[in-house]
């Protein structure tokens, strides 16, 4: 029989695994065009200084 602590640990591990998966999926998505254009504009301004 599982103890309350091992049940909590299993749930915590499942939560951790799901959060990591979601973060990795999000991190691997390309930047939206508007954000990419804004970053390009900011870089241009920095090189002009």
PDB file of N, CA and C in Angstrom:
ATOM      1  N   UNK A   1       0.838  -1.186   0.000  1.00  0.00           N
ATOM      2  CA  UNK A   1       0.000   0.000   0.000  1.00  0.00           C
ATOM      3  C   UNK A   1       0.882   1.248   0.000  1.00  0.00           C
ATOM      4  N   UNK A   2       0.500   2.232  -0.796  1.00  0.00           N
ATOM      5  CA  UNK A   2       1.286   3.452  -0.910  1.00  0.00           C
ATOM      6  C   UNK A   2       1.080   4.331   0.319  1.00  0.00           C
ATOM      7  N   UNK A   3       2.145   4.960   0.725  1.00  0.00           N
ATOM      8  CA  UNK A   3       2.052   5.881   1.854  1.00  0.00           C
ATOM      9  C   UNK A   3       1.669   7.258   1.334  1.00  0.00           C
ATOM     10  N   UNK A   4       1.114   8.105   2.201  1.00  0.00           N
ATOM     11  CA  UNK A   4       0.754   9.462   1.759  1.00  0.00           C
ATOM     12  C   UNK A   4       1.945  10.215   1.179  1.00  0.00           C
ATOM     13  N   UNK A   5       3.125  10.005   1.748  1.00  0.00           N
ATOM     14  CA  UNK A   5       4.313  10.698   1.248  1.00  0.00           C
ATOM     15  C   UNK A   5       4.660  10.232  -0.161  1.00  0.00           C
ATOM     16  N   UNK A   6       4.612   8.934  -0.403  1.00  0.00           N
ATOM     17  CA  UNK A   6       4.952   8.449  -1.742  1.00  0.00           C
ATOM     18  C   UNK A   6       3.896   8.882  -2.761  1.00  0.00           C
ATOM     19  N   UNK A   7       2.632   8.972  -2.344  1.00  0.00           N
ATOM     20  CA  UNK A   7       1.588   9.489  -3.228  1.00  0.00           C
ATOM     21  C   UNK A   7       1.859  10.946  -3.577  1.00  0.00           C
ATOM     22  N   UNK A   8       2.240  11.735  -2.570  1.00  0.00           N
ATOM     23  CA  UNK A   8       2.559  13.150  -2.802  1.00  0.00           C
ATOM     24  C   UNK A   8       3.760  13.276  -3.729  1.00  0.00           C
ATOM     25  N   UNK A   9       4.762  12.422  -3.496  1.00  0.00           N
ATOM     26  CA  UNK A   9       5.953  12.459  -4.344  1.00  0.00           C
ATOM     27  C   UNK A   9       5.607  12.105  -5.792  1.00  0.00           C
ATOM     28  N   UNK A  10       4.744  11.127  -5.978  1.00  0.00           N
ATOM     29  CA  UNK A  10       4.348  10.718  -7.326  1.00  0.00           C
ATOM     30  C   UNK A  10       3.581  11.834  -8.021  1.00  0.00           C
ATOM     31  N   UNK A  11       2.685  12.475  -7.296  1.00  0.00           N
ATOM     32  CA  UNK A  11       1.920  13.589  -7.870  1.00  0.00           C
ATOM     33  C   UNK A  11       2.858  14.751  -8.195  1.00  0.00           C
ATOM     34  N   UNK A  12       3.776  15.052  -7.306  1.00  0.00           N
ATOM     35  CA  UNK A  12       4.728  16.144  -7.529  1.00  0.00           C
ATOM     36  C   UNK A  12       5.592  15.855  -8.755  1.00  0.00           C
ATOM     37  N   UNK A  13       6.033  14.624  -8.908  1.00  0.00           N
ATOM     38  CA  UNK A  13       6.840  14.256 -10.077  1.00  0.00           C
ATOM     39  C   UNK A  13       6.024  14.407 -11.357  1.00  0.00           C
ATOM     40  N   UNK A  14       4.764  13.997 -11.326  1.00  0.00           N
ATOM     41  CA  UNK A  14       3.913  14.125 -12.508  1.00  0.00           C
ATOM     42  C   UNK A  14       3.714  15.600 -12.865  1.00  0.00           C
ATOM     43  N   UNK A  15       3.502  16.438 -11.861  1.00  0.00           N
ATOM     44  CA  UNK A  15       3.357  17.876 -12.098  1.00  0.00           C
ATOM     45  C   UNK A  15       4.642  18.439 -12.685  1.00  0.00           C
ATOM     46  N   UNK A  16       5.781  18.086 -12.092  1.00  0.00           N
ATOM     47  CA  UNK A  16       7.073  18.559 -12.593  1.00  0.00           C
ATOM     48  C   UNK A  16       7.292  18.146 -14.047  1.00  0.00           C
ATOM     49  N   UNK A  17       7.004  16.876 -14.349  1.00  0.00           N
ATOM     50  CA  UNK A  17       7.197  16.380 -15.712  1.00  0.00           C
ATOM     51  C   UNK A  17       6.310  17.131 -16.704  1.00  0.00           C
ATOM     52  N   UNK A  18       5.067  17.371 -16.335  1.00  0.00           N
ATOM     53  CA  UNK A  18       4.147  18.086 -17.226  1.00  0.00           C
ATOM     54  C   UNK A  18       4.577  19.534 -17.431  1.00  0.00           C
ATOM     55  N   UNK A  19       5.004  20.197 -16.375  1.00  0.00           N
ATOM     56  CA  UNK A  19       5.465  21.578 -16.505  1.00  0.00           C
ATOM     57  C   UNK A  19       6.705  21.662 -17.391  1.00  0.00           C
ATOM     58  N   UNK A  20       7.632  20.736 -17.220  1.00  0.00           N
ATOM     59  CA  UNK A  20       8.842  20.718 -18.055  1.00  0.00           C
ATOM     60  C   UNK A  20       8.476  20.505 -19.523  1.00  0.00           C
ATOM     61  N   UNK A  21       7.544  19.591 -19.776  1.00  0.00           N
ATOM     62  CA  UNK A  21       7.128  19.304 -21.153  1.00  0.00           C
ATOM     63  C   UNK A  21       6.505  20.542 -21.794  1.00  0.00           C
ATOM     64  N   UNK A  22       5.621  21.204 -21.061  1.00  0.00           N
ATOM     65  CA  UNK A  22       4.956  22.399 -21.590  1.00  0.00           C
ATOM     66  C   UNK A  22       5.974  23.510 -21.830  1.00  0.00           C
ATOM     67  N   UNK A  23       6.904  23.695 -20.896  1.00  0.00           N
ATOM     68  CA  UNK A  23       7.911  24.738 -21.057  1.00  0.00           C
ATOM     69  C   UNK A  23       8.775  24.461 -22.277  1.00  0.00           C
ATOM     70  N   UNK A  24       9.196  23.218 -22.450  1.00  0.00           N
ATOM     71  CA  UNK A  24      10.039  22.876 -23.599  1.00  0.00           C
ATOM     72  C   UNK A  24       9.302  23.102 -24.907  1.00  0.00           C
ATOM     73  N   UNK A  25       8.023  22.732 -24.966  1.00  0.00           N
ATOM     74  CA  UNK A  25       7.236  22.949 -26.182  1.00  0.00           C
ATOM     75  C   UNK A  25       7.133  24.443 -26.488  1.00  0.00           C
ATOM     76  N   UNK A  26       6.891  25.240 -25.462  1.00  0.00           N
ATOM     77  CA  UNK A  26       6.755  26.685 -25.644  1.00  0.00           C
ATOM     78  C   UNK A  26       8.088  27.312 -26.044  1.00  0.00           C
ATOM     79  N   UNK A  27       9.160  26.875 -25.405  1.00  0.00           N
ATOM     80  CA  UNK A  27      10.482  27.437 -25.692  1.00  0.00           C
ATOM     81  C   UNK A  27      10.930  27.120 -27.110  1.00  0.00           C
ATOM     82  N   UNK A  28      10.448  26.045 -27.689  1.00  0.00           N
ATOM     83  CA  UNK A  28      10.857  25.652 -29.032  1.00  0.00           C
ATOM     84  C   UNK A  28      10.019  26.291 -30.125  1.00  0.00           C
ATOM     85  N   UNK A  29       8.990  27.043 -29.766  1.00  0.00           N
ATOM     86  CA  UNK A  29       8.168  27.708 -30.772  1.00  0.00           C
ATOM     87  C   UNK A  29       8.899  28.955 -31.274  1.00  0.00           C
ATOM     88  N   UNK A  30       8.724  29.283 -32.544  1.00  0.00           N
ATOM     89  CA  UNK A  30       9.368  30.498 -33.070  1.00  0.00           C
ATOM     90  C   UNK A  30       8.728  31.755 -32.470  1.00  0.00           C
ATOM     91  N   UNK A  31       9.513  32.824 -32.460  1.00  0.00           N
ATOM     92  CA  UNK A  31       8.990  34.098 -31.976  1.00  0.00           C
ATOM     93  C   UNK A  31       7.939  34.622 -32.947  1.00  0.00           C
ATOM     94  N   UNK A  32       6.905  35.271 -32.447  1.00  0.00           N
ATOM     95  CA  UNK A  32       5.950  35.918 -33.346  1.00  0.00           C
ATOM     96  C   UNK A  32       6.657  36.998 -34.170  1.00  0.00           C
ATOM     97  N   UNK A  33       6.167  37.228 -35.374  1.00  0.00           N
ATOM     98  CA  UNK A  33       6.804  38.198 -36.275  1.00  0.00           C
ATOM     99  C   UNK A  33       6.927  39.582 -35.650  1.00  0.00           C
ATOM    100  N   UNK A  34       5.895  40.034 -34.962  1.00  0.00           N
ATOM    101  CA  UNK A  34       5.941  41.373 -34.360  1.00  0.00           C
ATOM    102  C   UNK A  34       7.045  41.471 -33.316  1.00  0.00           C
ATOM    103  N   UNK A  35       7.210  40.454 -32.526  1.00  0.00           N
ATOM    104  CA  UNK A  35       8.262  40.479 -31.505  1.00  0.00           C
ATOM    105  C   UNK A  35       9.638  40.432 -32.150  1.00  0.00           C
ATOM    106  N   UNK A  36       9.764  39.634 -33.172  1.00  0.00           N
ATOM    107  CA  UNK A  36      11.031  39.550 -33.887  1.00  0.00           C
ATOM    108  C   UNK A  36      11.398  40.900 -34.516  1.00  0.00           C
ATOM    109  N   UNK A  37      10.414  41.556 -35.109  1.00  0.00           N
ATOM    110  CA  UNK A  37      10.655  42.873 -35.713  1.00  0.00           C
ATOM    111  C   UNK A  37      11.031  43.901 -34.652  1.00  0.00           C
ATOM    112  N   UNK A  38      10.375  43.859 -33.517  1.00  0.00           N
ATOM    113  CA  UNK A  38      10.696  44.777 -32.432  1.00  0.00           C
ATOM    114  C   UNK A  38      12.131  44.558 -31.934  1.00  0.00           C
ATOM    115  N   UNK A  39      12.528  43.320 -31.786  1.00  0.00           N
ATOM    116  CA  UNK A  39      13.901  43.030 -31.360  1.00  0.00           C
ATOM    117  C   UNK A  39      14.914  43.534 -32.379  1.00  0.00           C
ATOM    118  N   UNK A  40      14.599  43.376 -33.671  1.00  0.00           N
ATOM    119  CA  UNK A  40      15.482  43.900 -34.718  1.00  0.00           C
ATOM    120  C   UNK A  40      15.614  45.416 -34.614  1.00  0.00           C
ATOM    121  N   UNK A  41      14.495  46.108 -34.373  1.00  0.00           N
ATOM    122  CA  UNK A  41      14.529  47.568 -34.229  1.00  0.00           C
ATOM    123  C   UNK A  41      15.368  47.982 -33.031  1.00  0.00           C
ATOM    124  N   UNK A  42      15.231  47.288 -31.944  1.00  0.00           N
ATOM    125  CA  UNK A  42      16.001  47.607 -30.741  1.00  0.00           C
ATOM    126  C   UNK A  42      17.491  47.379 -30.977  1.00  0.00           C
ATOM    127  N   UNK A  43      17.831  46.323 -31.680  1.00  0.00           N
ATOM    128  CA  UNK A  43      19.248  46.060 -31.996  1.00  0.00           C
ATOM    129  C   UNK A  43      19.812  47.155 -32.876  1.00  0.00           C
ATOM    130  N   UNK A  44      19.025  47.612 -33.856  1.00  0.00           N
ATOM    131  CA  UNK A  44      19.478  48.697 -34.730  1.00  0.00           C
ATOM    132  C   UNK A  44      19.755  49.957 -33.925  1.00  0.00           C
ATOM    133  N   UNK A  45      18.870  50.282 -32.994  1.00  0.00           N
ATOM    134  CA  UNK A  45      19.045  51.473 -32.164  1.00  0.00           C
ATOM    135  C   UNK A  45      20.309  51.355 -31.323  1.00  0.00           C
ATOM    136  N   UNK A  46      20.585  50.172 -30.826  1.00  0.00           N
ATOM    137  CA  UNK A  46      21.771  49.973 -29.992  1.00  0.00           C
ATOM    138  C   UNK A  46      23.054  50.137 -30.803  1.00  0.00           C
ATOM    139  N   UNK A  47      23.048  49.697 -32.042  1.00  0.00           N
ATOM    140  CA  UNK A  47      24.271  49.798 -32.865  1.00  0.00           C
ATOM    141  C   UNK A  47      24.527  51.225 -33.320  1.00  0.00           C
ATOM    142  N   UNK A  48      23.497  52.067 -33.326  1.00  0.00           N
ATOM    143  CA  UNK A  48      23.649  53.475 -33.727  1.00  0.00           C
ATOM    144  C   UNK A  48      24.257  54.322 -32.628  1.00  0.00           C
ATOM    145  N   UNK A  49      24.226  53.860 -31.406  1.00  0.00           N
ATOM    146  CA  UNK A  49      24.736  54.658 -30.276  1.00  0.00           C
ATOM    147  C   UNK A  49      26.223  54.729 -30.256  1.00  0.00           C
TER     148      UNK A  49
END
